[in-house]
């Protein structure tokens, strides 16, 4: 069961901007995008948006054949939804920080583009865009991305302690 999306007239404009419903493809910011597992149908949109880095959160790497020869860096960070932890979210944030510093546009995806991707985008919103935890979780659950309410463990990742830890790790000298 997925969390209900807010009706369009209640959906804040600063939430992700849908670019393709067929691919659950959204622009999150000027340089961060989210989607479900990329297919050949999504490839023209990735090219159009000049996305050069793809972070794959699936346990299986299904990007190789689709993105091969496309001048796109694929970063495979396998995450099991039921066992997602703060270290994995930190790894994603570290890659986002590198991409931001090098001016790269990034796509984050998992299978549906809902749960693992949603948690990653929520942490991005908190760490990079200074959103409140409540705002980020509201978008994650009710933004229309298909968040599955069964994953209660994901929301627990957003404790004050975990957020502060992630921010501190990103600020440490070896991360700069």
C-alpha atoms as a PDB file:
ATOM      1  CA  UNK A   1       0.000   0.000   0.000  1.00  0.00           C
ATOM      2  CA  UNK A   2       1.309   3.419  -0.921  1.00  0.00           C
ATOM      3  CA  UNK A   3       0.853   6.623   1.039  1.00  0.00           C
ATOM      4  CA  UNK A   4      -1.750   8.916  -0.501  1.00  0.00           C
ATOM      5  CA  UNK A   5      -0.380  11.821  -2.504  1.00  0.00           C
ATOM      6  CA  UNK A   6      -1.491  15.313  -1.658  1.00  0.00           C
ATOM      7  CA  UNK A   7      -3.953  16.672  -4.223  1.00  0.00           C
ATOM      8  CA  UNK A   8      -2.278  18.865  -6.844  1.00  0.00           C
ATOM      9  CA  UNK A   9      -3.835  22.042  -5.448  1.00  0.00           C
ATOM     10  CA  UNK A  10      -2.297  21.292  -2.013  1.00  0.00           C
ATOM     11  CA  UNK A  11       1.090  20.096  -3.276  1.00  0.00           C
ATOM     12  CA  UNK A  12       3.803  22.684  -2.502  1.00  0.00           C
ATOM     13  CA  UNK A  13       5.519  24.075  -5.598  1.00  0.00           C
ATOM     14  CA  UNK A  14       8.992  23.491  -4.121  1.00  0.00           C
ATOM     15  CA  UNK A  15       8.448  19.718  -4.063  1.00  0.00           C
ATOM     16  CA  UNK A  16       9.770  17.624  -6.930  1.00  0.00           C
ATOM     17  CA  UNK A  17       8.590  18.669 -10.386  1.00  0.00           C
ATOM     18  CA  UNK A  18       7.253  15.730 -12.410  1.00  0.00           C
ATOM     19  CA  UNK A  19       8.920  15.372 -15.803  1.00  0.00           C
ATOM     20  CA  UNK A  20       7.579  11.921 -16.739  1.00  0.00           C
ATOM     21  CA  UNK A  21       4.830  10.016 -14.940  1.00  0.00           C
ATOM     22  CA  UNK A  22       5.696   6.887 -16.921  1.00  0.00           C
ATOM     23  CA  UNK A  23       9.180   6.794 -15.345  1.00  0.00           C
ATOM     24  CA  UNK A  24       8.377   8.363 -11.947  1.00  0.00           C
ATOM     25  CA  UNK A  25      10.936  10.956 -13.089  1.00  0.00           C
ATOM     26  CA  UNK A  26      11.129  14.247 -11.177  1.00  0.00           C
ATOM     27  CA  UNK A  27      13.430  17.239 -10.960  1.00  0.00           C
ATOM     28  CA  UNK A  28      14.177  17.726  -7.259  1.00  0.00           C
ATOM     29  CA  UNK A  29      16.480  20.728  -7.697  1.00  0.00           C
ATOM     30  CA  UNK A  30      18.556  22.307 -10.439  1.00  0.00           C
ATOM     31  CA  UNK A  31      21.011  19.397 -10.239  1.00  0.00           C
ATOM     32  CA  UNK A  32      19.237  16.476  -8.491  1.00  0.00           C
ATOM     33  CA  UNK A  33      16.675  14.187 -10.129  1.00  0.00           C
ATOM     34  CA  UNK A  34      14.856  11.030  -9.051  1.00  0.00           C
ATOM     35  CA  UNK A  35      13.221   8.145 -10.902  1.00  0.00           C
ATOM     36  CA  UNK A  36      12.397   4.484 -10.982  1.00  0.00           C
ATOM     37  CA  UNK A  37      14.748   1.975 -12.622  1.00  0.00           C
ATOM     38  CA  UNK A  38      15.894   3.665 -15.864  1.00  0.00           C
ATOM     39  CA  UNK A  39      14.690   2.127 -19.092  1.00  0.00           C
ATOM     40  CA  UNK A  40      15.459   2.929 -22.704  1.00  0.00           C
ATOM     41  CA  UNK A  41      12.419   5.243 -22.638  1.00  0.00           C
ATOM     42  CA  UNK A  42      13.995   7.396 -19.927  1.00  0.00           C
ATOM     43  CA  UNK A  43      17.359   7.706 -21.687  1.00  0.00           C
ATOM     44  CA  UNK A  44      16.345  10.621 -23.971  1.00  0.00           C
ATOM     45  CA  UNK A  45      15.186  12.582 -20.904  1.00  0.00           C
ATOM     46  CA  UNK A  46      18.479  11.925 -19.104  1.00  0.00           C
ATOM     47  CA  UNK A  47      20.331  13.241 -22.143  1.00  0.00           C
ATOM     48  CA  UNK A  48      18.014  16.240 -22.468  1.00  0.00           C
ATOM     49  CA  UNK A  49      18.614  17.168 -18.813  1.00  0.00           C
ATOM     50  CA  UNK A  50      22.379  16.586 -19.198  1.00  0.00           C
ATOM     51  CA  UNK A  51      22.479  14.104 -16.311  1.00  0.00           C
ATOM     52  CA  UNK A  52      26.010  12.708 -16.080  1.00  0.00           C
ATOM     53  CA  UNK A  53      25.844  10.727 -12.830  1.00  0.00           C
ATOM     54  CA  UNK A  54      23.357   7.999 -11.896  1.00  0.00           C
ATOM     55  CA  UNK A  55      23.237   6.615  -8.360  1.00  0.00           C
ATOM     56  CA  UNK A  56      21.663   3.154  -8.433  1.00  0.00           C
ATOM     57  CA  UNK A  57      20.333   2.016  -5.046  1.00  0.00           C
ATOM     58  CA  UNK A  58      19.112  -1.380  -6.250  1.00  0.00           C
ATOM     59  CA  UNK A  59      20.788  -4.541  -5.056  1.00  0.00           C
ATOM     60  CA  UNK A  60      20.941  -5.646  -8.698  1.00  0.00           C
ATOM     61  CA  UNK A  61      22.756  -3.510 -11.245  1.00  0.00           C
ATOM     62  CA  UNK A  62      20.306  -3.151 -14.108  1.00  0.00           C
ATOM     63  CA  UNK A  63      21.902   0.006 -15.539  1.00  0.00           C
ATOM     64  CA  UNK A  64      24.843  -1.437 -17.425  1.00  0.00           C
ATOM     65  CA  UNK A  65      23.048  -2.337 -20.647  1.00  0.00           C
ATOM     66  CA  UNK A  66      20.840   0.779 -20.735  1.00  0.00           C
ATOM     67  CA  UNK A  67      23.529   3.343 -19.889  1.00  0.00           C
ATOM     68  CA  UNK A  68      26.527   1.676 -21.516  1.00  0.00           C
ATOM     69  CA  UNK A  69      28.314   4.026 -23.896  1.00  0.00           C
ATOM     70  CA  UNK A  70      26.196   7.019 -22.846  1.00  0.00           C
ATOM     71  CA  UNK A  71      28.942   9.015 -21.071  1.00  0.00           C
ATOM     72  CA  UNK A  72      27.090   8.619 -17.770  1.00  0.00           C
ATOM     73  CA  UNK A  73      28.904   7.636 -14.578  1.00  0.00           C
ATOM     74  CA  UNK A  74      26.975   4.916 -12.743  1.00  0.00           C
ATOM     75  CA  UNK A  75      27.499   4.614  -9.001  1.00  0.00           C
ATOM     76  CA  UNK A  76      26.080   1.397  -7.591  1.00  0.00           C
ATOM     77  CA  UNK A  77      25.245   1.645  -3.883  1.00  0.00           C
ATOM     78  CA  UNK A  78      23.113  -1.446  -3.205  1.00  0.00           C
ATOM     79  CA  UNK A  79      20.595  -0.981  -0.399  1.00  0.00           C
ATOM     80  CA  UNK A  80      17.991  -3.385   0.906  1.00  0.00           C
ATOM     81  CA  UNK A  81      14.928  -1.344   1.811  1.00  0.00           C
ATOM     82  CA  UNK A  82      14.241  -3.265   5.034  1.00  0.00           C
ATOM     83  CA  UNK A  83      17.829  -2.837   6.247  1.00  0.00           C
ATOM     84  CA  UNK A  84      18.586   0.731   5.146  1.00  0.00           C
ATOM     85  CA  UNK A  85      20.881   2.512   7.604  1.00  0.00           C
ATOM     86  CA  UNK A  86      22.448   5.906   8.224  1.00  0.00           C
ATOM     87  CA  UNK A  87      25.839   4.847   6.856  1.00  0.00           C
ATOM     88  CA  UNK A  88      24.225   4.090   3.511  1.00  0.00           C
ATOM     89  CA  UNK A  89      22.440   7.440   3.483  1.00  0.00           C
ATOM     90  CA  UNK A  90      25.757   9.100   4.305  1.00  0.00           C
ATOM     91  CA  UNK A  91      27.379   7.364   1.326  1.00  0.00           C
ATOM     92  CA  UNK A  92      24.705   8.788  -0.950  1.00  0.00           C
ATOM     93  CA  UNK A  93      25.154  12.267   0.546  1.00  0.00           C
ATOM     94  CA  UNK A  94      28.923  12.021   0.008  1.00  0.00           C
ATOM     95  CA  UNK A  95      28.423  11.283  -3.688  1.00  0.00           C
ATOM     96  CA  UNK A  96      25.946  14.147  -3.924  1.00  0.00           C
ATOM     97  CA  UNK A  97      28.472  16.463  -2.299  1.00  0.00           C
ATOM     98  CA  UNK A  98      31.122  15.428  -4.846  1.00  0.00           C
ATOM     99  CA  UNK A  99      28.693  15.929  -7.717  1.00  0.00           C
ATOM    100  CA  UNK A 100      27.689  19.338  -6.412  1.00  0.00           C
ATOM    101  CA  UNK A 101      31.324  20.433  -6.176  1.00  0.00           C
ATOM    102  CA  UNK A 102      32.027  19.269  -9.729  1.00  0.00           C
ATOM    103  CA  UNK A 103      28.826  20.773 -11.146  1.00  0.00           C
ATOM    104  CA  UNK A 104      27.328  17.406 -12.141  1.00  0.00           C
ATOM    105  CA  UNK A 105      23.625  16.691 -12.444  1.00  0.00           C
ATOM    106  CA  UNK A 106      22.638  13.494 -10.628  1.00  0.00           C
ATOM    107  CA  UNK A 107      19.808  10.982 -10.928  1.00  0.00           C
ATOM    108  CA  UNK A 108      19.037   8.817  -7.891  1.00  0.00           C
ATOM    109  CA  UNK A 109      16.946   5.707  -8.472  1.00  0.00           C
ATOM    110  CA  UNK A 110      15.874   2.379  -7.045  1.00  0.00           C
ATOM    111  CA  UNK A 111      13.285  -0.013  -8.465  1.00  0.00           C
ATOM    112  CA  UNK A 112      10.127   2.083  -8.039  1.00  0.00           C
ATOM    113  CA  UNK A 113      11.804   5.416  -7.242  1.00  0.00           C
ATOM    114  CA  UNK A 114       9.774   5.552  -4.060  1.00  0.00           C
ATOM    115  CA  UNK A 115      11.288   4.248  -0.844  1.00  0.00           C
ATOM    116  CA  UNK A 116      15.093   4.064  -0.991  1.00  0.00           C
ATOM    117  CA  UNK A 117      15.091   6.975  -3.406  1.00  0.00           C
ATOM    118  CA  UNK A 118      12.576   8.820  -1.242  1.00  0.00           C
ATOM    119  CA  UNK A 119      14.715   8.446   1.879  1.00  0.00           C
ATOM    120  CA  UNK A 120      17.768   9.641  -0.052  1.00  0.00           C
ATOM    121  CA  UNK A 121      15.942  12.694  -1.345  1.00  0.00           C
ATOM    122  CA  UNK A 122      14.545  13.455   2.118  1.00  0.00           C
ATOM    123  CA  UNK A 123      18.066  13.426   3.595  1.00  0.00           C
ATOM    124  CA  UNK A 124      19.283  15.563   0.665  1.00  0.00           C
ATOM    125  CA  UNK A 125      16.516  18.079   1.425  1.00  0.00           C
ATOM    126  CA  UNK A 126      17.533  18.235   5.091  1.00  0.00           C
ATOM    127  CA  UNK A 127      21.316  18.305   4.615  1.00  0.00           C
ATOM    128  CA  UNK A 128      21.723  20.319   1.406  1.00  0.00           C
ATOM    129  CA  UNK A 129      18.591  22.475   1.355  1.00  0.00           C
ATOM    130  CA  UNK A 130      18.061  22.955   5.113  1.00  0.00           C
ATOM    131  CA  UNK A 131      14.518  21.635   5.108  1.00  0.00           C
ATOM    132  CA  UNK A 132      13.006  20.586   8.412  1.00  0.00           C
ATOM    133  CA  UNK A 133      12.703  16.865   8.991  1.00  0.00           C
ATOM    134  CA  UNK A 134       8.925  17.228   9.008  1.00  0.00           C
ATOM    135  CA  UNK A 135       8.908  18.956   5.591  1.00  0.00           C
ATOM    136  CA  UNK A 136      11.238  16.366   4.063  1.00  0.00           C
ATOM    137  CA  UNK A 137       9.251  13.403   5.392  1.00  0.00           C
ATOM    138  CA  UNK A 138       5.967  14.938   4.258  1.00  0.00           C
ATOM    139  CA  UNK A 139       7.323  15.204   0.717  1.00  0.00           C
ATOM    140  CA  UNK A 140       8.781  11.681   0.906  1.00  0.00           C
ATOM    141  CA  UNK A 141       5.475  10.150   1.963  1.00  0.00           C
ATOM    142  CA  UNK A 142       2.889  12.333   0.224  1.00  0.00           C
ATOM    143  CA  UNK A 143       4.681  13.783  -2.794  1.00  0.00           C
ATOM    144  CA  UNK A 144       3.098  11.316  -5.193  1.00  0.00           C
ATOM    145  CA  UNK A 145       6.247   9.244  -5.653  1.00  0.00           C
ATOM    146  CA  UNK A 146       4.617   5.996  -4.474  1.00  0.00           C
ATOM    147  CA  UNK A 147       6.051   5.684  -0.957  1.00  0.00           C
ATOM    148  CA  UNK A 148       5.148   2.277   0.529  1.00  0.00           C
ATOM    149  CA  UNK A 149       3.903   2.702   4.099  1.00  0.00           C
ATOM    150  CA  UNK A 150       5.094  -0.774   5.095  1.00  0.00           C
ATOM    151  CA  UNK A 151       8.676   0.524   5.476  1.00  0.00           C
ATOM    152  CA  UNK A 152       8.403   1.944   9.004  1.00  0.00           C
ATOM    153  CA  UNK A 153      12.170   1.564   9.406  1.00  0.00           C
ATOM    154  CA  UNK A 154      12.834   4.326   6.879  1.00  0.00           C
ATOM    155  CA  UNK A 155      11.171   7.061   8.905  1.00  0.00           C
ATOM    156  CA  UNK A 156      13.230   6.041  11.957  1.00  0.00           C
ATOM    157  CA  UNK A 157      16.399   6.925  10.026  1.00  0.00           C
ATOM    158  CA  UNK A 158      15.458  10.580  10.412  1.00  0.00           C
ATOM    159  CA  UNK A 159      16.101  10.928  14.127  1.00  0.00           C
ATOM    160  CA  UNK A 160      17.775  14.135  15.260  1.00  0.00           C
ATOM    161  CA  UNK A 161      20.835  12.071  16.198  1.00  0.00           C
ATOM    162  CA  UNK A 162      21.142  10.494  12.721  1.00  0.00           C
ATOM    163  CA  UNK A 163      20.681  13.797  10.930  1.00  0.00           C
ATOM    164  CA  UNK A 164      23.294  15.528  13.099  1.00  0.00           C
ATOM    165  CA  UNK A 165      25.687  12.603  12.618  1.00  0.00           C
ATOM    166  CA  UNK A 166      25.259  12.782   8.837  1.00  0.00           C
ATOM    167  CA  UNK A 167      25.852  16.537   8.814  1.00  0.00           C
ATOM    168  CA  UNK A 168      28.962  16.148  10.994  1.00  0.00           C
ATOM    169  CA  UNK A 169      30.372  13.398   8.785  1.00  0.00           C
ATOM    170  CA  UNK A 170      29.899  15.549   5.688  1.00  0.00           C
ATOM    171  CA  UNK A 171      31.725  18.428   7.387  1.00  0.00           C
ATOM    172  CA  UNK A 172      34.719  16.374   8.515  1.00  0.00           C
ATOM    173  CA  UNK A 173      38.027  17.378   6.836  1.00  0.00           C
ATOM    174  CA  UNK A 174      38.380  14.128   4.879  1.00  0.00           C
ATOM    175  CA  UNK A 175      34.985  14.825   3.252  1.00  0.00           C
ATOM    176  CA  UNK A 176      35.851  18.305   1.962  1.00  0.00           C
END
